[in-house]
């Protein structure tokens, strides 16, 4: 079972790998552009996170890509959808 802390750590580590910035230097409330993630990097990030966590948070239709604007949003949708899987 994942919890918010594990999800946050996993997301931040994957973002850090993609943009080659230390995890401590990532502002989770900054826009993707401010963080240094373009659309291709974002797609790669979601693929890696799906492999890491074992589910696609967008696949159930509960979340839309257009609603995701920052790293914090990614953490939130993975957390919400993990909870939905456990309850479902």
PDB file of N, CA and C in Angstrom:
ATOM      1  N   UNK A   1       0.834  -1.181   0.000  1.00  0.00           N
ATOM      2  CA  UNK A   1       0.000   0.000   0.000  1.00  0.00           C
ATOM      3  C   UNK A   1       0.881   1.248   0.000  1.00  0.00           C
ATOM      4  N   UNK A   2       0.513   2.180  -0.809  1.00  0.00           N
ATOM      5  CA  UNK A   2       1.225   3.447  -0.873  1.00  0.00           C
ATOM      6  C   UNK A   2       0.558   4.454   0.041  1.00  0.00           C
ATOM      7  N   UNK A   3       1.345   5.394   0.526  1.00  0.00           N
ATOM      8  CA  UNK A   3       0.749   6.510   1.257  1.00  0.00           C
ATOM      9  C   UNK A   3       1.243   7.795   0.612  1.00  0.00           C
ATOM     10  N   UNK A   4       0.710   8.906   1.065  1.00  0.00           N
ATOM     11  CA  UNK A   4       1.051  10.197   0.460  1.00  0.00           C
ATOM     12  C   UNK A   4       2.560  10.436   0.476  1.00  0.00           C
ATOM     13  N   UNK A   5       3.218  10.090   1.565  1.00  0.00           N
ATOM     14  CA  UNK A   5       4.661  10.326   1.679  1.00  0.00           C
ATOM     15  C   UNK A   5       5.448   9.511   0.644  1.00  0.00           C
ATOM     16  N   UNK A   6       5.077   8.242   0.463  1.00  0.00           N
ATOM     17  CA  UNK A   6       5.762   7.401  -0.523  1.00  0.00           C
ATOM     18  C   UNK A   6       5.508   7.906  -1.946  1.00  0.00           C
ATOM     19  N   UNK A   7       4.276   8.328  -2.200  1.00  0.00           N
ATOM     20  CA  UNK A   7       3.945   8.857  -3.521  1.00  0.00           C
ATOM     21  C   UNK A   7       4.723  10.142  -3.775  1.00  0.00           C
ATOM     22  N   UNK A   8       4.732  11.034  -2.799  1.00  0.00           N
ATOM     23  CA  UNK A   8       5.472  12.289  -2.955  1.00  0.00           C
ATOM     24  C   UNK A   8       6.955  12.027  -3.198  1.00  0.00           C
ATOM     25  N   UNK A   9       7.529  11.112  -2.441  1.00  0.00           N
ATOM     26  CA  UNK A   9       8.952  10.778  -2.605  1.00  0.00           C
ATOM     27  C   UNK A   9       9.211  10.207  -4.001  1.00  0.00           C
ATOM     28  N   UNK A  10       8.343   9.298  -4.457  1.00  0.00           N
ATOM     29  CA  UNK A  10       8.507   8.697  -5.778  1.00  0.00           C
ATOM     30  C   UNK A  10       8.388   9.720  -6.891  1.00  0.00           C
ATOM     31  N   UNK A  11       7.389  10.587  -6.800  1.00  0.00           N
ATOM     32  CA  UNK A  11       7.193  11.625  -7.820  1.00  0.00           C
ATOM     33  C   UNK A  11       8.392  12.566  -7.853  1.00  0.00           C
ATOM     34  N   UNK A  12       8.811  13.036  -6.688  1.00  0.00           N
ATOM     35  CA  UNK A  12       9.943  13.974  -6.640  1.00  0.00           C
ATOM     36  C   UNK A  12      11.226  13.341  -7.155  1.00  0.00           C
ATOM     37  N   UNK A  13      11.452  12.080  -6.833  1.00  0.00           N
ATOM     38  CA  UNK A  13      12.660  11.410  -7.330  1.00  0.00           C
ATOM     39  C   UNK A  13      12.642  11.285  -8.848  1.00  0.00           C
ATOM     40  N   UNK A  14      11.480  10.945  -9.410  1.00  0.00           N
ATOM     41  CA  UNK A  14      11.380  10.822 -10.872  1.00  0.00           C
ATOM     42  C   UNK A  14      11.527  12.183 -11.555  1.00  0.00           C
ATOM     43  N   UNK A  15      10.933  13.222 -10.983  1.00  0.00           N
ATOM     44  CA  UNK A  15      11.095  14.567 -11.544  1.00  0.00           C
ATOM     45  C   UNK A  15      12.564  14.968 -11.479  1.00  0.00           C
ATOM     46  N   UNK A  16      13.195  14.700 -10.361  1.00  0.00           N
ATOM     47  CA  UNK A  16      14.610  15.023 -10.176  1.00  0.00           C
ATOM     48  C   UNK A  16      15.483  14.351 -11.237  1.00  0.00           C
ATOM     49  N   UNK A  17      15.195  13.085 -11.521  1.00  0.00           N
ATOM     50  CA  UNK A  17      15.947  12.356 -12.549  1.00  0.00           C
ATOM     51  C   UNK A  17      15.754  12.981 -13.931  1.00  0.00           C
ATOM     52  N   UNK A  18      14.517  13.374 -14.226  1.00  0.00           N
ATOM     53  CA  UNK A  18      14.221  13.921 -15.551  1.00  0.00           C
ATOM     54  C   UNK A  18      14.850  15.282 -15.794  1.00  0.00           C
ATOM     55  N   UNK A  19      14.834  16.136 -14.776  1.00  0.00           N
ATOM     56  CA  UNK A  19      15.327  17.498 -14.987  1.00  0.00           C
ATOM     57  C   UNK A  19      16.720  17.710 -14.397  1.00  0.00           C
ATOM     58  N   UNK A  20      17.293  16.638 -13.869  1.00  0.00           N
ATOM     59  CA  UNK A  20      18.631  16.660 -13.259  1.00  0.00           C
ATOM     60  C   UNK A  20      18.818  17.811 -12.265  1.00  0.00           C
ATOM     61  N   UNK A  21      17.893  17.878 -11.333  1.00  0.00           N
ATOM     62  CA  UNK A  21      17.932  18.861 -10.255  1.00  0.00           C
ATOM     63  C   UNK A  21      17.747  18.099  -8.954  1.00  0.00           C
ATOM     64  N   UNK A  22      18.403  18.534  -7.907  1.00  0.00           N
ATOM     65  CA  UNK A  22      18.250  17.898  -6.609  1.00  0.00           C
ATOM     66  C   UNK A  22      16.803  18.002  -6.136  1.00  0.00           C
ATOM     67  N   UNK A  23      16.319  16.949  -5.501  1.00  0.00           N
ATOM     68  CA  UNK A  23      14.941  16.914  -5.009  1.00  0.00           C
ATOM     69  C   UNK A  23      14.631  18.131  -4.134  1.00  0.00           C
ATOM     70  N   UNK A  24      15.568  18.531  -3.302  1.00  0.00           N
ATOM     71  CA  UNK A  24      15.356  19.663  -2.392  1.00  0.00           C
ATOM     72  C   UNK A  24      15.134  20.977  -3.137  1.00  0.00           C
ATOM     73  N   UNK A  25      15.560  21.043  -4.387  1.00  0.00           N
ATOM     74  CA  UNK A  25      15.435  22.274  -5.175  1.00  0.00           C
ATOM     75  C   UNK A  25      14.166  22.324  -6.020  1.00  0.00           C
ATOM     76  N   UNK A  26      13.299  21.315  -5.910  1.00  0.00           N
ATOM     77  CA  UNK A  26      12.072  21.275  -6.699  1.00  0.00           C
ATOM     78  C   UNK A  26      10.948  21.929  -5.906  1.00  0.00           C
ATOM     79  N   UNK A  27      10.362  22.963  -6.499  1.00  0.00           N
ATOM     80  CA  UNK A  27       9.210  23.639  -5.904  1.00  0.00           C
ATOM     81  C   UNK A  27       7.959  22.933  -6.429  1.00  0.00           C
ATOM     82  N   UNK A  28       7.273  22.188  -5.565  1.00  0.00           N
ATOM     83  CA  UNK A  28       6.145  21.380  -6.033  1.00  0.00           C
ATOM     84  C   UNK A  28       4.941  22.217  -6.447  1.00  0.00           C
ATOM     85  N   UNK A  29       4.935  23.490  -6.094  1.00  0.00           N
ATOM     86  CA  UNK A  29       3.828  24.375  -6.488  1.00  0.00           C
ATOM     87  C   UNK A  29       4.138  25.172  -7.761  1.00  0.00           C
ATOM     88  N   UNK A  30       5.372  25.092  -8.244  1.00  0.00           N
ATOM     89  CA  UNK A  30       5.754  25.803  -9.472  1.00  0.00           C
ATOM     90  C   UNK A  30       5.136  25.094 -10.679  1.00  0.00           C
ATOM     91  N   UNK A  31       4.871  25.859 -11.727  1.00  0.00           N
ATOM     92  CA  UNK A  31       4.318  25.262 -12.949  1.00  0.00           C
ATOM     93  C   UNK A  31       5.360  24.333 -13.564  1.00  0.00           C
ATOM     94  N   UNK A  32       4.890  23.463 -14.451  1.00  0.00           N
ATOM     95  CA  UNK A  32       5.814  22.544 -15.115  1.00  0.00           C
ATOM     96  C   UNK A  32       6.893  23.307 -15.864  1.00  0.00           C
ATOM     97  N   UNK A  33       6.505  24.384 -16.508  1.00  0.00           N
ATOM     98  CA  UNK A  33       7.470  25.200 -17.247  1.00  0.00           C
ATOM     99  C   UNK A  33       8.539  25.756 -16.310  1.00  0.00           C
ATOM    100  N   UNK A  34       8.122  26.249 -15.158  1.00  0.00           N
ATOM    101  CA  UNK A  34       9.071  26.795 -14.180  1.00  0.00           C
ATOM    102  C   UNK A  34      10.013  25.716 -13.645  1.00  0.00           C
ATOM    103  N   UNK A  35       9.501  24.500 -13.510  1.00  0.00           N
ATOM    104  CA  UNK A  35      10.312  23.387 -13.011  1.00  0.00           C
ATOM    105  C   UNK A  35      11.264  22.878 -14.097  1.00  0.00           C
ATOM    106  N   UNK A  36      10.866  23.033 -15.354  1.00  0.00           N
ATOM    107  CA  UNK A  36      11.699  22.565 -16.456  1.00  0.00           C
ATOM    108  C   UNK A  36      11.147  21.333 -17.143  1.00  0.00           C
ATOM    109  N   UNK A  37       9.842  21.066 -16.966  1.00  0.00           N
ATOM    110  CA  UNK A  37       9.208  19.925 -17.619  1.00  0.00           C
ATOM    111  C   UNK A  37       8.408  20.394 -18.824  1.00  0.00           C
ATOM    112  N   UNK A  38       8.774  19.902 -20.006  1.00  0.00           N
ATOM    113  CA  UNK A  38       7.977  20.191 -21.196  1.00  0.00           C
ATOM    114  C   UNK A  38       6.999  19.035 -21.411  1.00  0.00           C
ATOM    115  N   UNK A  39       6.220  19.071 -22.464  1.00  0.00           N
ATOM    116  CA  UNK A  39       5.187  18.056 -22.672  1.00  0.00           C
ATOM    117  C   UNK A  39       5.768  16.656 -22.852  1.00  0.00           C
ATOM    118  N   UNK A  40       6.905  16.538 -23.516  1.00  0.00           N
ATOM    119  CA  UNK A  40       7.539  15.233 -23.691  1.00  0.00           C
ATOM    120  C   UNK A  40       8.039  14.700 -22.345  1.00  0.00           C
ATOM    121  N   UNK A  41       8.664  15.561 -21.568  1.00  0.00           N
ATOM    122  CA  UNK A  41       9.144  15.155 -20.245  1.00  0.00           C
ATOM    123  C   UNK A  41       7.986  14.741 -19.348  1.00  0.00           C
ATOM    124  N   UNK A  42       6.885  15.447 -19.452  1.00  0.00           N
ATOM    125  CA  UNK A  42       5.705  15.142 -18.655  1.00  0.00           C
ATOM    126  C   UNK A  42       5.138  13.770 -19.035  1.00  0.00           C
ATOM    127  N   UNK A  43       5.093  13.485 -20.328  1.00  0.00           N
ATOM    128  CA  UNK A  43       4.627  12.169 -20.782  1.00  0.00           C
ATOM    129  C   UNK A  43       5.545  11.070 -20.262  1.00  0.00           C
ATOM    130  N   UNK A  44       6.848  11.288 -20.343  1.00  0.00           N
ATOM    131  CA  UNK A  44       7.812  10.312 -19.828  1.00  0.00           C
ATOM    132  C   UNK A  44       7.642  10.121 -18.323  1.00  0.00           C
ATOM    133  N   UNK A  45       7.405  11.217 -17.621  1.00  0.00           N
ATOM    134  CA  UNK A  45       7.207  11.159 -16.178  1.00  0.00           C
ATOM    135  C   UNK A  45       6.001  10.292 -15.836  1.00  0.00           C
ATOM    136  N   UNK A  46       4.884  10.489 -16.530  1.00  0.00           N
ATOM    137  CA  UNK A  46       3.692   9.698 -16.243  1.00  0.00           C
ATOM    138  C   UNK A  46       3.901   8.221 -16.543  1.00  0.00           C
ATOM    139  N   UNK A  47       4.638   7.908 -17.591  1.00  0.00           N
ATOM    140  CA  UNK A  47       4.941   6.511 -17.912  1.00  0.00           C
ATOM    141  C   UNK A  47       5.772   5.893 -16.793  1.00  0.00           C
ATOM    142  N   UNK A  48       6.801   6.598 -16.345  1.00  0.00           N
ATOM    143  CA  UNK A  48       7.654   6.086 -15.279  1.00  0.00           C
ATOM    144  C   UNK A  48       6.900   5.946 -13.961  1.00  0.00           C
ATOM    145  N   UNK A  49       6.022   6.902 -13.664  1.00  0.00           N
ATOM    146  CA  UNK A  49       5.250   6.828 -12.429  1.00  0.00           C
ATOM    147  C   UNK A  49       4.229   5.695 -12.483  1.00  0.00           C
ATOM    148  N   UNK A  50       3.657   5.461 -13.643  1.00  0.00           N
ATOM    149  CA  UNK A  50       2.724   4.335 -13.789  1.00  0.00           C
ATOM    150  C   UNK A  50       3.455   3.017 -13.543  1.00  0.00           C
ATOM    151  N   UNK A  51       4.669   2.889 -14.054  1.00  0.00           N
ATOM    152  CA  UNK A  51       5.451   1.675 -13.815  1.00  0.00           C
ATOM    153  C   UNK A  51       5.842   1.563 -12.338  1.00  0.00           C
ATOM    154  N   UNK A  52       6.197   2.672 -11.728  1.00  0.00           N
ATOM    155  CA  UNK A  52       6.612   2.680 -10.323  1.00  0.00           C
ATOM    156  C   UNK A  52       5.466   2.323  -9.385  1.00  0.00           C
ATOM    157  N   UNK A  53       4.305   2.930  -9.599  1.00  0.00           N
ATOM    158  CA  UNK A  53       3.182   2.755  -8.679  1.00  0.00           C
ATOM    159  C   UNK A  53       2.215   1.647  -9.095  1.00  0.00           C
ATOM    160  N   UNK A  54       2.293   1.208 -10.347  1.00  0.00           N
ATOM    161  CA  UNK A  54       1.472   0.093 -10.790  1.00  0.00           C
ATOM    162  C   UNK A  54       0.059   0.443 -11.231  1.00  0.00           C
ATOM    163  N   UNK A  55      -0.212   1.717 -11.454  1.00  0.00           N
ATOM    164  CA  UNK A  55      -1.524   2.109 -11.970  1.00  0.00           C
ATOM    165  C   UNK A  55      -1.426   3.449 -12.686  1.00  0.00           C
ATOM    166  N   UNK A  56      -2.396   3.674 -13.576  1.00  0.00           N
ATOM    167  CA  UNK A  56      -2.492   4.916 -14.341  1.00  0.00           C
ATOM    168  C   UNK A  56      -3.594   5.768 -13.729  1.00  0.00           C
ATOM    169  N   UNK A  57      -3.251   6.881 -13.087  1.00  0.00           N
ATOM    170  CA  UNK A  57      -4.275   7.689 -12.421  1.00  0.00           C
ATOM    171  C   UNK A  57      -5.228   8.381 -13.392  1.00  0.00           C
ATOM    172  N   UNK A  58      -4.861   8.437 -14.657  1.00  0.00           N
ATOM    173  CA  UNK A  58      -5.712   9.071 -15.654  1.00  0.00           C
ATOM    174  C   UNK A  58      -6.594   8.052 -16.360  1.00  0.00           C
ATOM    175  N   UNK A  59      -6.270   6.786 -16.221  1.00  0.00           N
ATOM    176  CA  UNK A  59      -6.964   5.727 -16.937  1.00  0.00           C
ATOM    177  C   UNK A  59      -8.397   5.507 -16.502  1.00  0.00           C
ATOM    178  N   UNK A  60      -8.719   5.814 -15.271  1.00  0.00           N
ATOM    179  CA  UNK A  60     -10.066   5.600 -14.763  1.00  0.00           C
ATOM    180  C   UNK A  60     -11.003   6.757 -15.107  1.00  0.00           C
ATOM    181  N   UNK A  61     -10.468   7.838 -15.635  1.00  0.00           N
ATOM    182  CA  UNK A  61     -11.296   8.982 -16.000  1.00  0.00           C
ATOM    183  C   UNK A  61     -11.646   9.887 -14.831  1.00  0.00           C
ATOM    184  N   UNK A  62     -11.057   9.603 -13.663  1.00  0.00           N
ATOM    185  CA  UNK A  62     -11.324  10.436 -12.484  1.00  0.00           C
ATOM    186  C   UNK A  62     -10.541  11.747 -12.518  1.00  0.00           C
ATOM    187  N   UNK A  63      -9.459  11.757 -13.260  1.00  0.00           N
ATOM    188  CA  UNK A  63      -8.612  12.944 -13.354  1.00  0.00           C
ATOM    189  C   UNK A  63      -8.314  13.226 -14.819  1.00  0.00           C
ATOM    190  N   UNK A  64      -8.169  14.495 -15.128  1.00  0.00           N
ATOM    191  CA  UNK A  64      -7.854  14.910 -16.492  1.00  0.00           C
ATOM    192  C   UNK A  64      -6.476  15.544 -16.531  1.00  0.00           C
ATOM    193  N   UNK A  65      -5.748  15.295 -17.591  1.00  0.00           N
ATOM    194  CA  UNK A  65      -4.426  15.886 -17.748  1.00  0.00           C
ATOM    195  C   UNK A  65      -4.500  17.406 -17.731  1.00  0.00           C
ATOM    196  N   UNK A  66      -5.588  17.963 -18.234  1.00  0.00           N
ATOM    197  CA  UNK A  66      -5.735  19.424 -18.272  1.00  0.00           C
ATOM    198  C   UNK A  66      -5.894  20.038 -16.879  1.00  0.00           C
ATOM    199  N   UNK A  67      -6.179  19.212 -15.873  1.00  0.00           N
ATOM    200  CA  UNK A  67      -6.314  19.695 -14.493  1.00  0.00           C
ATOM    201  C   UNK A  67      -4.989  19.687 -13.731  1.00  0.00           C
ATOM    202  N   UNK A  68      -3.932  19.213 -14.382  1.00  0.00           N
ATOM    203  CA  UNK A  68      -2.640  19.052 -13.722  1.00  0.00           C
ATOM    204  C   UNK A  68      -1.709  20.162 -14.184  1.00  0.00           C
ATOM    205  N   UNK A  69      -1.260  20.991 -13.233  1.00  0.00           N
ATOM    206  CA  UNK A  69      -0.466  22.161 -13.581  1.00  0.00           C
ATOM    207  C   UNK A  69       0.882  22.226 -12.891  1.00  0.00           C
ATOM    208  N   UNK A  70       1.082  21.399 -11.869  1.00  0.00           N
ATOM    209  CA  UNK A  70       2.332  21.439 -11.118  1.00  0.00           C
ATOM    210  C   UNK A  70       2.601  20.061 -10.512  1.00  0.00           C
ATOM    211  N   UNK A  71       3.782  19.889  -9.958  1.00  0.00           N
ATOM    212  CA  UNK A  71       4.183  18.613  -9.364  1.00  0.00           C
ATOM    213  C   UNK A  71       3.230  18.231  -8.232  1.00  0.00           C
ATOM    214  N   UNK A  72       2.784  19.194  -7.469  1.00  0.00           N
ATOM    215  CA  UNK A  72       1.839  18.931  -6.385  1.00  0.00           C
ATOM    216  C   UNK A  72       0.551  18.299  -6.913  1.00  0.00           C
ATOM    217  N   UNK A  73       0.093  18.726  -8.074  1.00  0.00           N
ATOM    218  CA  UNK A  73      -1.109  18.143  -8.685  1.00  0.00           C
ATOM    219  C   UNK A  73      -0.885  16.666  -9.027  1.00  0.00           C
ATOM    220  N   UNK A  74       0.311  16.333  -9.500  1.00  0.00           N
ATOM    221  CA  UNK A  74       0.628  14.938  -9.822  1.00  0.00           C
ATOM    222  C   UNK A  74       0.572  14.087  -8.550  1.00  0.00           C
ATOM    223  N   UNK A  75       1.176  14.596  -7.489  1.00  0.00           N
ATOM    224  CA  UNK A  75       1.157  13.882  -6.212  1.00  0.00           C
ATOM    225  C   UNK A  75      -0.292  13.667  -5.767  1.00  0.00           C
ATOM    226  N   UNK A  76      -1.102  14.697  -5.879  1.00  0.00           N
ATOM    227  CA  UNK A  76      -2.505  14.619  -5.461  1.00  0.00           C
ATOM    228  C   UNK A  76      -3.294  13.590  -6.265  1.00  0.00           C
ATOM    229  N   UNK A  77      -3.122  13.571  -7.589  1.00  0.00           N
ATOM    230  CA  UNK A  77      -3.925  12.618  -8.367  1.00  0.00           C
ATOM    231  C   UNK A  77      -3.496  11.181  -8.128  1.00  0.00           C
ATOM    232  N   UNK A  78      -2.200  10.946  -7.929  1.00  0.00           N
ATOM    233  CA  UNK A  78      -1.765   9.585  -7.614  1.00  0.00           C
ATOM    234  C   UNK A  78      -2.280   9.172  -6.235  1.00  0.00           C
ATOM    235  N   UNK A  79      -2.276  10.096  -5.282  1.00  0.00           N
ATOM    236  CA  UNK A  79      -2.774   9.793  -3.939  1.00  0.00           C
ATOM    237  C   UNK A  79      -4.276   9.515  -3.979  1.00  0.00           C
ATOM    238  N   UNK A  80      -5.041  10.379  -4.637  1.00  0.00           N
ATOM    239  CA  UNK A  80      -6.496  10.194  -4.731  1.00  0.00           C
ATOM    240  C   UNK A  80      -6.859   8.881  -5.414  1.00  0.00           C
ATOM    241  N   UNK A  81      -6.169   8.588  -6.498  1.00  0.00           N
ATOM    242  CA  UNK A  81      -6.499   7.372  -7.251  1.00  0.00           C
ATOM    243  C   UNK A  81      -6.018   6.117  -6.538  1.00  0.00           C
ATOM    244  N   UNK A  82      -4.956   6.200  -5.773  1.00  0.00           N
ATOM    245  CA  UNK A  82      -4.518   5.059  -4.955  1.00  0.00           C
ATOM    246  C   UNK A  82      -5.594   4.767  -3.918  1.00  0.00           C
ATOM    247  N   UNK A  83      -6.140   5.805  -3.291  1.00  0.00           N
ATOM    248  CA  UNK A  83      -7.208   5.631  -2.303  1.00  0.00           C
ATOM    249  C   UNK A  83      -8.450   5.024  -2.972  1.00  0.00           C
ATOM    250  N   UNK A  84      -8.763   5.449  -4.173  1.00  0.00           N
ATOM    251  CA  UNK A  84      -9.926   4.917  -4.899  1.00  0.00           C
ATOM    252  C   UNK A  84      -9.751   3.443  -5.200  1.00  0.00           C
ATOM    253  N   UNK A  85      -8.529   3.039  -5.569  1.00  0.00           N
ATOM    254  CA  UNK A  85      -8.263   1.634  -5.843  1.00  0.00           C
ATOM    255  C   UNK A  85      -8.444   0.790  -4.591  1.00  0.00           C
ATOM    256  N   UNK A  86      -8.027   1.318  -3.463  1.00  0.00           N
ATOM    257  CA  UNK A  86      -8.148   0.569  -2.206  1.00  0.00           C
ATOM    258  C   UNK A  86      -9.604   0.442  -1.790  1.00  0.00           C
ATOM    259  N   UNK A  87     -10.397   1.481  -2.020  1.00  0.00           N
ATOM    260  CA  UNK A  87     -11.813   1.460  -1.630  1.00  0.00           C
ATOM    261  C   UNK A  87     -12.667   0.684  -2.620  1.00  0.00           C
ATOM    262  N   UNK A  88     -12.232   0.697  -3.905  1.00  0.00           N
ATOM    263  CA  UNK A  88     -13.021   0.110  -4.977  1.00  0.00           C
ATOM    264  C   UNK A  88     -13.094  -1.352  -4.909  1.00  0.00           C
TER     265      UNK A  88
END
